[in-house]
Amino acid sequence: SLLQATLTLPGIAGIVLTVGMAVDANVLIFERIKEELGTQSNIQKAISSGYDKAVLTIADANITTLIAALVLFSFGTGPIKGFAITLSIGIVTSMFTAIIVSRAIINKIYGGKKLEELSI
């Protein structure tokens, strides 16, 4: 193994929690975009405003979870430390993909087009 680590049940739980938080982040982003579509006349502005408003909520949830993972890592033993490490890596990765990667993809798809409506 590259990391010299074994995947245990707490590690799998960390992965499952990470996937759930990643889905939640994307749902938050797209719900904010839908809200902004009702108030913005321009779809590109609605996308930008939706992301800008969702970033603080996503960062708050993920930073809180990272703090909890750091506490678990500091005071936990073997399996608990594995859970904390798996969760931390997953949270950092999902936050990066939700804020940076998905925004880049949405901007690539919809950024240069003149759209009358956006189907989300």
Foldseek 3Di string as FASTA:
>chain_A
DVVPDDQDPLLVVLVVVLVVLLVVLQVQLVVQLVVLVVVDQASLVSNVRSLVVSLVVSVVVLVVLLVVLVVQCVPHDDSSVSNSVSNNVSSVVSSCCSNPVVSVVCCVVPVPDRDPDDDD
